[in-house]
Protein backbone atom coordinates (compact mmCIF):
# COMPACT_ATOMS: atom_id res chain seq x y z
CA MET A 1 -28.02 -11.16 -12.08
CA ASP A 2 -26.04 -14.30 -13.02
CA ASP A 3 -22.79 -12.32 -13.33
CA ILE A 4 -22.78 -11.36 -9.63
CA ALA A 5 -20.28 -13.38 -7.57
CA ILE A 6 -20.64 -11.56 -4.24
CA ARG A 7 -23.58 -9.49 -3.01
CA VAL A 8 -23.50 -7.76 0.38
CA GLU A 9 -26.51 -5.90 1.82
CA GLY A 10 -26.50 -3.91 5.07
CA LEU A 11 -23.78 -6.11 6.55
CA SER A 12 -22.99 -5.32 10.20
CA LYS A 13 -20.98 -7.09 12.88
CA ARG A 14 -20.98 -6.19 16.56
CA TYR A 15 -18.44 -7.46 19.09
CA ARG A 16 -18.70 -7.22 22.85
CA ILE A 17 -15.52 -5.98 24.50
CA GLN A 18 -14.34 -6.31 28.10
CA GLN A 19 -14.24 -2.99 29.94
CA GLY A 20 -12.88 -2.03 33.34
CA ALA A 21 -10.87 -4.42 35.41
CA ARG A 22 -9.95 -7.79 33.98
CA ALA A 23 -12.57 -10.39 34.88
CA ARG A 24 -11.43 -12.87 37.53
CA TYR A 25 -11.56 -16.60 37.00
CA GLY A 26 -14.95 -18.02 37.98
CA THR A 27 -15.45 -20.92 40.37
CA LEU A 28 -18.04 -23.68 40.12
CA ARG A 29 -20.10 -21.84 42.75
CA ASP A 30 -20.01 -18.65 40.65
CA ALA A 31 -21.20 -20.56 37.58
CA LEU A 32 -24.13 -22.10 39.47
CA VAL A 33 -25.20 -18.75 40.94
CA GLU A 34 -24.95 -17.13 37.49
CA ALA A 35 -27.14 -19.87 35.99
CA VAL A 36 -29.83 -19.30 38.65
CA ARG A 37 -29.80 -15.51 38.22
CA ALA A 38 -29.75 -15.48 34.40
CA PRO A 39 -33.54 -15.99 33.81
CA PHE A 40 -34.36 -13.07 36.14
CA ARG A 41 -31.77 -10.63 34.80
CA ARG A 42 -33.17 -7.78 32.75
CA ARG A 43 -31.78 -7.90 29.24
CA SER A 44 -30.41 -4.79 27.58
CA SER A 45 -31.77 -3.74 24.22
CA PRO A 46 -29.30 -3.07 21.41
CA GLY A 47 -29.68 0.65 21.91
CA SER A 48 -29.54 0.74 25.69
CA ALA A 49 -26.80 2.24 27.85
CA GLY A 50 -25.55 -1.23 28.64
CA ASN A 51 -24.37 -1.44 25.05
CA ASP A 52 -21.35 0.75 25.84
CA SER A 53 -19.19 -2.40 25.96
CA CYS A 54 -19.94 -3.19 22.31
CA ILE A 55 -18.12 -2.13 19.17
CA TRP A 56 -19.34 -2.27 15.58
CA ALA A 57 -16.55 -3.76 13.48
CA LEU A 58 -18.83 -3.39 10.42
CA LYS A 59 -21.86 -1.16 10.06
CA ASP A 60 -24.33 -1.21 7.16
CA VAL A 61 -21.89 -2.19 4.41
CA SER A 62 -23.34 -2.93 0.95
CA PHE A 63 -21.68 -3.68 -2.39
CA GLU A 64 -21.62 -6.10 -5.33
CA VAL A 65 -18.72 -7.83 -7.05
CA LYS A 66 -19.12 -9.27 -10.53
CA ARG A 67 -17.56 -12.54 -11.63
CA GLY A 68 -13.97 -12.16 -12.73
CA GLU A 69 -13.45 -8.82 -10.96
CA VAL A 70 -10.42 -8.19 -8.76
CA VAL A 71 -11.39 -5.81 -5.94
CA GLY A 72 -9.03 -4.25 -3.42
CA ILE A 73 -10.29 -3.58 0.12
CA ILE A 74 -8.30 -0.83 1.84
CA GLY A 75 -8.47 1.17 5.07
CA ARG A 76 -6.59 1.77 8.26
CA ASN A 77 -6.13 -0.86 10.96
CA GLY A 78 -9.47 -1.52 12.64
CA ALA A 79 -11.50 -0.41 9.61
CA GLY A 80 -13.28 -3.78 9.37
CA LYS A 81 -11.47 -5.32 6.40
CA THR A 82 -10.62 -8.66 8.02
CA THR A 83 -14.05 -8.91 9.65
CA LEU A 84 -15.64 -8.52 6.22
CA LEU A 85 -13.56 -11.37 4.76
CA LYS A 86 -14.30 -13.60 7.76
CA ILE A 87 -18.02 -13.16 7.20
CA LEU A 88 -17.67 -13.88 3.47
CA SER A 89 -15.60 -16.98 4.36
CA ARG A 90 -18.36 -18.09 6.78
CA ILE A 91 -15.90 -18.07 9.68
CA THR A 92 -18.18 -15.73 11.61
CA GLU A 93 -21.85 -14.75 11.35
CA PRO A 94 -23.03 -11.17 10.79
CA THR A 95 -25.04 -9.38 13.46
CA GLU A 96 -27.23 -7.67 10.87
CA GLY A 97 -27.63 -7.81 7.10
CA TRP A 98 -26.63 -10.63 4.79
CA ALA A 99 -24.02 -11.69 2.25
CA GLU A 100 -24.43 -13.98 -0.74
CA VAL A 101 -21.37 -15.70 -2.22
CA ARG A 102 -21.86 -17.68 -5.43
CA GLY A 103 -19.06 -20.10 -6.12
CA ARG A 104 -16.36 -22.16 -4.46
CA VAL A 105 -14.40 -19.96 -2.04
CA GLY A 106 -10.71 -20.20 -1.22
CA SER A 107 -9.55 -17.93 1.58
CA LEU A 108 -6.21 -16.99 3.05
CA LEU A 109 -7.02 -14.78 6.01
CA GLU A 110 -4.22 -15.75 8.38
CA VAL A 111 -1.05 -17.76 8.05
CA GLY A 112 -2.04 -21.39 7.73
CA THR A 113 -5.77 -20.89 8.26
CA GLY A 114 -7.40 -24.31 8.19
CA PHE A 115 -4.16 -26.25 8.59
CA HIS A 116 -4.02 -29.06 11.13
CA PRO A 117 -0.67 -28.86 12.96
CA GLU A 118 -0.38 -32.63 13.45
CA LEU A 119 -0.84 -33.39 9.75
CA THR A 120 1.97 -33.24 7.20
CA GLY A 121 2.17 -30.69 4.42
CA ARG A 122 0.96 -33.34 1.97
CA GLU A 123 -2.05 -34.23 4.13
CA ASN A 124 -2.97 -30.58 4.66
CA ILE A 125 -2.99 -29.96 0.89
CA TYR A 126 -5.53 -32.74 0.43
CA LEU A 127 -7.49 -31.61 3.51
CA ASN A 128 -7.77 -28.04 2.24
CA GLY A 129 -8.72 -29.28 -1.20
CA ALA A 130 -11.50 -31.41 0.27
CA ILE A 131 -12.76 -28.42 2.27
CA LEU A 132 -12.93 -26.46 -0.98
CA GLY A 133 -15.04 -29.26 -2.47
CA MET A 134 -12.40 -30.56 -4.84
CA ARG A 135 -12.03 -34.17 -5.84
CA LYS A 136 -8.84 -36.11 -5.23
CA ALA A 137 -8.09 -36.25 -8.96
CA GLU A 138 -8.17 -32.46 -9.15
CA ILE A 139 -5.78 -32.12 -6.21
CA ASP A 140 -3.46 -34.77 -7.70
CA ARG A 141 -3.22 -32.72 -10.87
CA LYS A 142 -2.21 -29.57 -8.97
CA PHE A 143 -0.11 -31.19 -6.24
CA ASP A 144 3.36 -30.90 -7.81
CA GLU A 145 2.73 -27.30 -8.82
CA ILE A 146 1.68 -26.40 -5.26
CA VAL A 147 4.75 -28.02 -3.70
CA ALA A 148 7.10 -26.38 -6.22
CA PHE A 149 5.59 -22.95 -5.60
CA ALA A 150 5.87 -23.34 -1.81
CA GLU A 151 9.48 -24.56 -2.11
CA ILE A 152 9.06 -27.17 0.62
CA GLU A 153 9.78 -30.39 -1.32
CA LYS A 154 12.08 -31.76 1.40
CA PHE A 155 9.52 -31.18 4.14
CA ILE A 156 6.28 -32.11 2.41
CA ASP A 157 5.89 -35.21 4.61
CA THR A 158 6.79 -33.38 7.85
CA PRO A 159 4.00 -32.28 10.24
CA VAL A 160 3.37 -28.57 9.68
CA LYS A 161 3.75 -27.83 13.41
CA PHE A 162 7.49 -28.08 12.78
CA TYR A 163 7.40 -25.58 9.89
CA SER A 164 8.86 -22.11 10.24
CA SER A 165 6.49 -19.18 9.75
CA GLY A 166 7.94 -18.66 6.26
CA MET A 167 7.32 -22.29 5.24
CA TYR A 168 3.84 -22.12 6.74
CA VAL A 169 2.79 -19.05 4.76
CA ARG A 170 4.34 -20.32 1.53
CA LEU A 171 2.35 -23.54 1.69
CA ALA A 172 -0.83 -21.75 2.81
CA PHE A 173 -0.70 -19.30 -0.08
CA ALA A 174 0.21 -22.01 -2.59
CA VAL A 175 -2.79 -24.12 -1.57
CA ALA A 176 -5.23 -21.18 -1.65
CA ALA A 177 -4.02 -19.89 -5.02
CA HIS A 178 -3.55 -23.19 -6.89
CA LEU A 179 -6.66 -25.20 -5.97
CA ASP A 180 -8.77 -23.26 -8.49
CA PRO A 181 -11.39 -21.65 -6.24
CA GLU A 182 -13.91 -19.56 -8.14
CA ILE A 183 -13.61 -16.83 -5.50
CA LEU A 184 -10.32 -16.07 -3.73
CA LEU A 185 -10.29 -14.01 -0.51
CA VAL A 186 -6.81 -12.84 0.47
CA ASP A 187 -5.98 -10.84 3.60
CA GLU A 188 -2.70 -9.06 4.34
CA VAL A 189 -0.54 -12.16 4.00
CA LEU A 190 2.05 -10.62 1.70
CA ALA A 191 3.56 -8.81 4.67
CA VAL A 192 4.92 -12.21 5.77
CA GLY A 193 7.92 -13.77 4.10
CA ASP A 194 10.92 -12.40 2.26
CA ALA A 195 10.90 -9.98 -0.66
CA ALA A 196 11.36 -12.73 -3.24
CA PHE A 197 8.33 -14.62 -1.94
CA GLN A 198 6.20 -11.47 -1.85
CA LYS A 199 7.10 -10.78 -5.47
CA LYS A 200 6.24 -14.37 -6.33
CA CYS A 201 2.84 -14.07 -4.62
CA LEU A 202 2.03 -10.85 -6.45
CA GLY A 203 2.91 -12.53 -9.74
CA LYS A 204 0.66 -15.48 -8.95
CA MET A 205 -2.21 -13.19 -7.95
CA GLY A 206 -1.76 -11.27 -11.17
CA LYS A 207 -2.07 -14.54 -13.09
CA VAL A 208 -5.16 -15.54 -11.09
CA ALA A 209 -6.69 -12.17 -11.92
CA THR A 210 -6.28 -12.81 -15.65
CA GLU A 211 -7.92 -16.25 -15.44
CA GLY A 212 -11.38 -14.81 -14.83
CA ARG A 213 -11.60 -15.70 -11.14
CA THR A 214 -13.07 -13.30 -8.59
CA VAL A 215 -10.58 -11.94 -6.06
CA LEU A 216 -11.06 -9.80 -2.94
CA PHE A 217 -7.65 -8.54 -1.85
CA VAL A 218 -7.02 -6.78 1.47
CA SER A 219 -3.67 -5.01 1.70
CA HIS A 220 -1.87 -1.93 3.01
CA ASN A 221 0.39 -2.07 -0.05
CA MET A 222 -1.15 0.61 -2.25
CA MET A 223 1.14 -0.18 -5.18
CA ALA A 224 -0.04 -3.80 -5.12
CA ILE A 225 -3.68 -2.70 -4.94
CA LYS A 226 -3.29 -0.42 -7.95
CA SER A 227 -1.37 -2.96 -10.02
CA LEU A 228 -3.61 -5.98 -9.30
CA CYS A 229 -7.07 -4.51 -8.81
CA ARG A 230 -9.43 -2.74 -11.16
CA TRP A 231 -11.94 -1.76 -8.49
CA GLY A 232 -11.52 -0.71 -4.86
CA ILE A 233 -13.54 -0.28 -1.68
CA LEU A 234 -12.46 2.01 1.18
CA LEU A 235 -13.59 1.16 4.71
CA SER A 236 -13.29 3.43 7.73
CA ASN A 237 -14.55 2.65 11.25
CA GLY A 238 -16.56 -0.26 9.89
CA LYS A 239 -18.37 1.78 7.23
CA LYS A 240 -17.96 1.94 3.48
CA VAL A 241 -16.60 5.38 2.59
CA LEU A 242 -16.03 5.03 -1.14
CA SER A 243 -16.12 2.49 -3.96
CA GLY A 244 -14.90 2.96 -7.50
CA SER A 245 -11.81 2.44 -9.61
CA ALA A 246 -8.77 1.27 -7.64
CA GLU A 247 -6.83 4.34 -8.76
CA GLU A 248 -9.54 6.71 -7.52
CA VAL A 249 -10.08 4.94 -4.20
CA VAL A 250 -6.35 4.71 -3.42
CA ARG A 251 -5.83 8.37 -4.27
CA PHE A 252 -8.75 9.42 -2.05
CA TYR A 253 -7.50 7.24 0.83
CA LEU A 254 -3.97 8.63 0.64
CA ASP A 255 -5.28 12.20 0.53
CA ILE A 256 -7.32 11.56 3.69
CA PHE A 257 -4.49 9.61 5.32
CA ASN A 258 -2.02 12.45 4.79
CA ALA A 259 -4.46 15.30 5.47
CA GLY A 260 -3.57 15.36 9.14
CA VAL A 261 0.19 15.12 8.64
CA ASP A 262 1.91 18.13 10.16
CA ALA A 263 3.98 19.09 7.14
CA PRO A 264 3.47 22.74 6.18
CA SER A 265 5.32 24.39 3.32
CA GLU A 266 7.68 26.24 5.67
CA ARG A 267 9.48 25.47 8.96
CA VAL A 268 11.62 28.09 10.68
CA TRP A 269 13.72 27.97 13.88
CA LEU A 270 14.52 31.49 15.14
CA ASN A 271 16.61 30.47 18.14
CA PRO A 272 19.83 28.69 17.13
CA GLN A 273 19.98 26.92 20.48
CA ASN A 274 16.70 25.07 19.76
CA ALA A 275 17.33 24.47 16.06
CA PRO A 276 18.06 20.97 14.66
CA GLY A 277 21.77 20.17 14.55
CA ASP A 278 24.73 20.34 16.91
CA LYS A 279 27.66 22.58 17.81
CA THR A 280 28.98 22.25 14.27
CA ALA A 281 25.92 23.58 12.42
CA ARG A 282 22.17 23.95 12.81
CA ILE A 283 19.26 24.30 10.39
CA HIS A 284 17.56 27.71 10.46
CA ALA A 285 14.71 27.07 7.96
CA VAL A 286 13.31 24.66 5.37
CA ARG A 287 10.97 26.29 2.88
CA ILE A 288 9.18 25.49 -0.39
CA LEU A 289 9.06 28.56 -2.65
CA ASP A 290 8.02 29.68 -6.09
CA VAL A 291 10.53 31.29 -8.45
CA ASN A 292 9.77 34.70 -6.90
CA GLY A 293 10.75 33.54 -3.42
CA ASN A 294 7.20 33.29 -2.03
CA SER A 295 6.30 30.44 0.28
CA ILE A 296 3.76 28.13 -1.41
CA HIS A 297 1.78 25.04 -0.37
CA GLN A 298 0.34 24.32 -3.81
CA VAL A 299 1.75 24.63 -7.32
CA ASP A 300 0.59 23.96 -10.87
CA ILE A 301 2.18 20.93 -12.49
CA THR A 302 3.90 23.16 -15.09
CA SER A 303 5.55 25.51 -12.58
CA PRO A 304 9.02 25.06 -11.08
CA VAL A 305 9.50 24.58 -7.35
CA VAL A 306 12.36 25.83 -5.19
CA ILE A 307 13.34 23.93 -2.03
CA GLU A 308 15.37 26.22 0.23
CA ILE A 309 17.43 25.26 3.29
CA ARG A 310 19.05 27.92 5.51
CA TYR A 311 21.59 26.90 8.10
CA TRP A 312 24.10 28.35 10.55
CA VAL A 313 27.72 27.20 10.61
CA PHE A 314 29.32 27.65 14.04
CA LYS A 315 32.50 25.60 13.80
CA PRO A 316 34.96 27.15 11.35
CA ASP A 317 36.60 25.13 8.58
CA THR A 318 33.71 22.64 8.41
CA PRO A 319 32.94 21.19 4.95
CA LEU A 320 29.19 20.63 4.70
CA ASN A 321 26.79 19.10 2.19
CA VAL A 322 23.08 19.85 2.03
CA SER A 323 20.74 17.27 0.51
CA ILE A 324 17.03 16.72 0.07
CA SER A 325 14.85 13.70 -0.65
CA LEU A 326 11.32 13.77 -2.04
CA PHE A 327 8.68 11.20 -1.04
CA ASN A 328 5.13 10.84 -2.34
CA THR A 329 2.08 9.85 -0.31
CA GLU A 330 2.79 6.16 -0.94
CA ASP A 331 6.18 6.62 0.74
CA VAL A 332 7.96 6.04 -2.56
CA HIS A 333 11.37 7.73 -2.68
CA VAL A 334 10.85 9.89 -5.77
CA LEU A 335 14.24 11.58 -5.96
CA ALA A 336 17.31 12.70 -4.03
CA SER A 337 19.65 15.59 -4.72
CA ALA A 338 22.66 17.14 -3.01
CA SER A 339 24.42 20.49 -3.12
CA ILE A 340 27.84 18.88 -3.61
CA THR A 341 27.14 18.36 -7.32
CA ASP A 342 27.35 22.07 -8.08
CA SER A 343 28.50 23.79 -4.87
CA GLU A 344 31.77 25.69 -4.71
CA TRP A 345 32.01 24.68 -1.06
CA PHE A 346 32.44 20.96 -1.74
CA GLY A 347 35.85 19.95 -0.44
CA ARG A 348 36.36 23.40 1.07
CA PRO A 349 35.66 24.51 4.62
CA HIS A 350 32.65 26.66 5.44
CA PRO A 351 33.57 29.78 7.43
CA ARG A 352 31.26 30.71 10.29
CA GLY A 353 28.02 32.33 9.14
CA LEU A 354 24.46 31.91 7.87
CA TYR A 355 24.09 30.07 4.54
CA VAL A 356 21.26 29.30 2.15
CA SER A 357 21.16 26.38 -0.32
CA ARG A 358 18.42 26.08 -2.93
CA CYS A 359 17.37 23.11 -5.03
CA PHE A 360 15.43 23.91 -8.23
CA VAL A 361 12.87 21.33 -9.38
CA PRO A 362 11.77 22.13 -12.95
CA GLY A 363 8.16 22.49 -14.02
CA SER A 364 6.45 19.69 -15.97
CA PHE A 365 8.49 17.14 -14.05
CA LEU A 366 6.58 15.95 -10.96
CA ASN A 367 3.31 14.06 -11.26
CA GLN A 368 0.11 15.17 -9.55
CA GLY A 369 -0.07 14.60 -5.82
CA ARG A 370 1.48 15.56 -2.50
CA TYR A 371 5.23 15.42 -1.92
CA PHE A 372 7.14 15.49 1.36
CA VAL A 373 10.66 16.85 1.73
CA THR A 374 13.33 15.30 3.95
CA ALA A 375 16.27 17.65 4.57
CA LEU A 376 19.78 16.60 5.62
CA LEU A 377 22.88 18.50 6.69
CA VAL A 378 25.99 16.33 6.42
CA GLN A 379 29.61 16.92 7.43
CA THR A 380 31.37 15.68 4.30
CA GLU A 381 34.82 14.91 5.70
CA ARG A 382 33.40 12.11 7.86
CA SER A 383 29.99 11.60 6.18
CA ARG A 384 28.43 12.44 9.52
CA ILE A 385 24.79 13.52 9.64
CA VAL A 386 24.59 16.81 11.53
CA ALA A 387 20.80 17.16 11.16
CA GLN A 388 18.06 15.12 9.50
CA LEU A 389 14.46 16.33 9.25
CA ASP A 390 12.16 13.62 7.89
CA LYS A 391 9.19 14.82 5.80
CA ILE A 392 9.41 18.23 7.40
CA VAL A 393 7.58 20.21 4.68
CA SER A 394 5.22 19.31 1.84
CA ILE A 395 3.87 20.62 -1.45
CA ASP A 396 0.74 19.72 -3.44
CA VAL A 397 1.28 19.50 -7.20
CA ILE A 398 -1.99 19.95 -9.11
CA ASP A 399 -3.00 19.89 -12.76
CA LEU A 400 -4.99 23.06 -13.53
CA GLY A 401 -5.71 21.74 -16.98
CA ASP A 402 -5.30 24.97 -18.93
CA THR A 403 -1.80 24.85 -20.38
CA ARG A 404 -1.04 21.25 -21.40
CA LYS A 405 -3.64 20.38 -24.00
CA GLY A 406 -3.59 16.72 -24.83
CA TYR A 407 -1.61 15.95 -21.67
CA LEU A 408 -4.25 16.42 -19.00
CA GLY A 409 -5.72 14.14 -16.37
CA TYR A 410 -4.05 11.41 -14.35
CA TRP A 411 -0.91 9.79 -15.76
CA GLY A 412 0.81 6.84 -14.15
CA GLY A 413 4.35 6.94 -12.84
CA VAL A 414 6.24 8.53 -9.99
CA VAL A 415 7.26 11.51 -12.13
CA ARG A 416 5.54 12.98 -15.17
CA PRO A 417 8.15 14.90 -17.17
CA LEU A 418 7.24 16.71 -20.35
CA LEU A 419 10.04 15.25 -22.45
CA LYS A 420 11.17 16.25 -25.91
CA TRP A 421 10.09 13.88 -28.67
CA GLU A 422 11.14 13.75 -32.28
CA THR A 423 9.57 11.79 -35.14
CA THR A 424 11.27 11.44 -38.53
CA LYS A 425 10.29 9.52 -41.67
CA LEU A 426 13.15 7.18 -42.52
CA GLU A 427 12.02 5.99 -45.93
CA VAL A 428 9.00 5.75 -48.21
CA LEU A 429 7.28 2.38 -48.54
CA ASN A 430 5.87 1.43 -51.96
CA GLU A 431 3.23 -1.16 -52.71
CA ALA A 432 5.89 -3.83 -53.25
CA SER A 433 7.13 -3.52 -49.67
CA ASP A 434 6.47 -6.44 -47.36
CA ILE A 435 3.82 -5.36 -44.82
CA HIS A 436 5.21 -7.83 -42.30
CA GLY A 437 8.41 -5.85 -41.97
CA GLU A 438 10.62 -7.91 -44.25
CA ALA A 439 11.70 -5.33 -46.80
CA ASN A 440 12.68 -6.56 -50.24
CA HIS A 441 15.57 -4.14 -50.48
CA GLU A 442 18.48 -2.98 -48.38
CA PRO A 443 17.67 -0.31 -45.76
CA THR A 444 18.67 3.26 -46.44
CA ILE A 445 21.47 4.56 -44.21
CA PHE A 446 21.18 8.18 -43.07
CA GLY A 447 24.06 10.28 -41.76
CA HIS A 448 27.73 10.62 -42.50
């Protein structure tokens, strides 16, 4: 029981929303009449029809987080992630259920939460430290490190109301991460600031995670969730859908998120007038095939995949290049390839006609998961895009687990190629050899 940092039981939060026409401004007379009528007005029960103007931001959420665990909270916008952190931070009270937080909490839910705009950066550091229950000596010890991380040395004695949004978020994150809270609650703040700062924040959070502190991290960055968090919780419409390893929860979320994406394994345009492109050329079809030419939506990880693009050329003497890009469910650009690398038509005009270009992706190359294909038709002489179809078709790569013994299950990485390895004994070590790697003789040279 003592190793539990956060315990949540049946946590629910209901908000009342304004429906219909926007309420007009009330007068003093309206307020007095409302006060007289209030004791005689019949109150609606939580389950009555009058409750239509209410929304449950959280509904019956329960979980436990052990000390030292780093847990990622994911879900679509409106899933209840921020509401959950606000309750744990004691910013708002739950409607039902309860939450127990054991330890000093540092939270970064919005840019500059808890900052007083009239106070300087220096004063706000000490104010936030005091709110966290830290003594002045503790803050003094961390002060220089906080200022250096935030990169605001020149403006530390300037009121924060004059700070830019970037300066604001840098200081806010630095204070929350450096004042040694036992529990750190971080909302989607890494979306603010430049790429260098985001990388710096991720590095700091990774360090915090290794120091044994408890972290709840809300983010839409699935790569950050997987790299920083060991456990994950998926929320949807205010309810907990799944909890488990971060890898498992992220994979489940992305599968659900992409389940409704209209990306079949084949798209065909029969009428050239309605096909993507222009008077120069138009795309007739984009298909994902097996080696026998059959359209497929799912393939074993060991099998090759053929991406086929058919297109009409209307304007004679037009040099064209066909290219494809592959994206995974995390929107990572996995690979790109173009027909110009091996096409006899590169640098030569295409006569009028119907053409087909095929890209062959070898088996034992892609990792498990869903992949989306973006197809492009480019006029090479001017590098002009004739047609671009973003994520127009998709393919699911699965591991059937019957042909790659010793290489089954989930493997990290964007691709998962079955590469050739070779192991050779270079020399024989005798008992007189130094086990620390410092041989007592010259190394043997092999080769000519």
